[in-house]
Amino acid sequence: MGQAKQRGSREQRIAQAQERIEATRPEKLVCNGCGADVTTIHPVSTRGLAGIEAIWVGQCDCGQTTFAASGEPSAVQAFFDALGSDTELTLGSQRQDGSGHETA
């Protein structure tokens, strides 16, 4: 029996993957533009992004888009470097509870 089948049906594996992603959902993001709490946060597909566990994006009322990513530190840094190469972004870091905001 294949390894995937040992982990359950396709539906069960999808549910398990969604649960793993949901477990990384931050309580809030802190807007990199104005510092306001952003609580409407959506997951972004990480398919094809090796080393990235989850990406979350939120749109602040001020119009700034704020991202959060988790995974291997070098992969997360590469993700933010790629975002910053074609767009003007203000990058910051924070813990899952939204604290520890640092702008870079």
Protein backbone atom coordinates (compact mmCIF):
# COMPACT_ATOMS: atom_id res chain seq x y z
CA MET A 1 0.00 0.00 0.00
CA GLY A 2 1.32 3.48 -0.87
CA GLN A 3 2.28 5.99 1.81
CA ALA A 4 -0.55 8.36 0.85
CA LYS A 5 -3.14 5.61 1.26
CA GLN A 6 -1.69 4.78 4.67
CA ARG A 7 -2.45 8.37 5.75
CA GLY A 8 -6.12 8.06 4.80
CA SER A 9 -8.41 8.79 1.90
CA ARG A 10 -7.84 11.78 -0.38
CA GLU A 11 -10.52 13.72 1.49
CA GLN A 12 -8.92 12.88 4.85
CA ARG A 13 -5.48 13.99 3.61
CA ILE A 14 -6.95 17.28 2.32
CA ALA A 15 -8.67 17.86 5.67
CA GLN A 16 -5.41 17.12 7.52
CA ALA A 17 -3.50 19.58 5.32
CA GLN A 18 -6.14 22.27 5.87
CA GLU A 19 -5.97 21.69 9.63
CA ARG A 20 -2.17 22.08 9.57
CA ILE A 21 -2.49 25.36 7.67
CA GLU A 22 -5.28 26.65 9.92
CA ALA A 23 -3.10 25.94 12.97
CA THR A 24 -0.62 28.55 11.67
CA ARG A 25 -3.29 31.27 11.21
CA PRO A 26 -2.22 34.39 13.09
CA GLU A 27 -4.81 35.92 15.43
CA LYS A 28 -4.18 39.19 13.64
CA LEU A 29 -1.64 40.93 11.45
CA VAL A 30 -0.23 44.33 12.24
CA CYS A 31 -0.39 46.62 9.22
CA ASN A 32 3.08 47.50 7.99
CA GLY A 33 1.74 50.86 6.82
CA CYS A 34 -0.27 52.33 9.70
CA GLY A 35 0.20 49.79 12.51
CA ALA A 36 -3.50 48.95 12.82
CA ASP A 37 -4.72 45.43 13.56
CA VAL A 38 -5.75 43.48 10.48
CA THR A 39 -8.10 40.68 11.49
CA THR A 40 -9.50 39.65 8.12
CA ILE A 41 -6.78 37.25 7.03
CA HIS A 42 -6.86 34.80 4.13
CA PRO A 43 -4.60 31.84 3.32
CA VAL A 44 -2.53 31.85 0.13
CA SER A 45 -1.55 28.69 -1.72
CA THR A 46 2.01 27.57 -1.06
CA ARG A 47 2.01 24.96 -3.81
CA GLY A 48 5.45 24.87 -5.39
CA LEU A 49 7.06 26.99 -2.65
CA ALA A 50 9.53 24.61 -1.03
CA GLY A 51 10.10 25.27 2.66
CA ILE A 52 7.02 27.47 3.08
CA GLU A 53 4.38 26.00 5.42
CA ALA A 54 1.77 28.75 5.18
CA ILE A 55 1.22 32.24 3.81
CA TRP A 56 -1.46 34.60 5.08
CA VAL A 57 -2.52 37.93 3.60
CA GLY A 58 -4.65 40.72 5.01
CA GLN A 59 -5.85 44.02 3.56
CA CYS A 60 -5.87 46.95 5.99
CA ASP A 61 -8.47 49.71 5.86
CA CYS A 62 -5.60 52.08 4.91
CA GLY A 63 -5.11 50.07 1.70
CA GLN A 64 -1.84 48.37 2.68
CA THR A 65 -1.53 44.63 2.03
CA THR A 66 0.24 42.75 4.83
CA PHE A 67 1.66 39.24 4.51
CA ALA A 68 2.68 36.64 7.06
CA ALA A 69 4.62 33.51 6.17
CA SER A 70 5.87 30.55 8.16
CA GLY A 71 8.32 27.81 7.34
CA GLU A 72 12.06 27.41 7.01
CA PRO A 73 13.69 30.80 7.72
CA SER A 74 15.63 30.85 4.44
CA ALA A 75 12.49 30.01 2.44
CA VAL A 76 10.44 32.68 4.23
CA GLN A 77 13.19 35.24 3.56
CA ALA A 78 13.31 34.21 -0.10
CA PHE A 79 9.52 34.65 -0.33
CA PHE A 80 9.70 38.19 1.03
CA ASP A 81 12.73 38.97 -1.15
CA ALA A 82 10.75 37.83 -4.21
CA LEU A 83 7.76 39.96 -3.21
CA GLY A 84 9.96 42.97 -2.70
CA SER A 85 11.77 42.66 -6.02
CA ASP A 86 8.88 43.96 -8.16
CA THR A 87 6.81 45.93 -5.66
CA GLU A 88 7.33 48.48 -2.95
CA LEU A 89 6.69 46.73 0.36
CA THR A 90 7.35 47.45 3.98
CA LEU A 91 8.33 44.20 5.65
CA GLY A 92 7.97 43.39 9.30
CA SER A 93 8.00 40.41 11.60
CA GLN A 94 5.59 39.37 14.30
CA ARG A 95 4.54 36.41 16.39
CA GLN A 96 1.33 34.46 15.76
CA ASP A 97 -0.56 36.56 18.33
CA GLY A 98 0.26 39.73 16.36
CA SER A 99 2.80 41.04 18.86
CA GLY A 100 6.43 41.86 18.28
CA HIS A 101 5.90 44.11 15.25
CA GLU A 102 9.22 45.13 13.69
CA THR A 103 9.40 46.99 10.41
CA ALA A 104 12.29 46.32 8.05
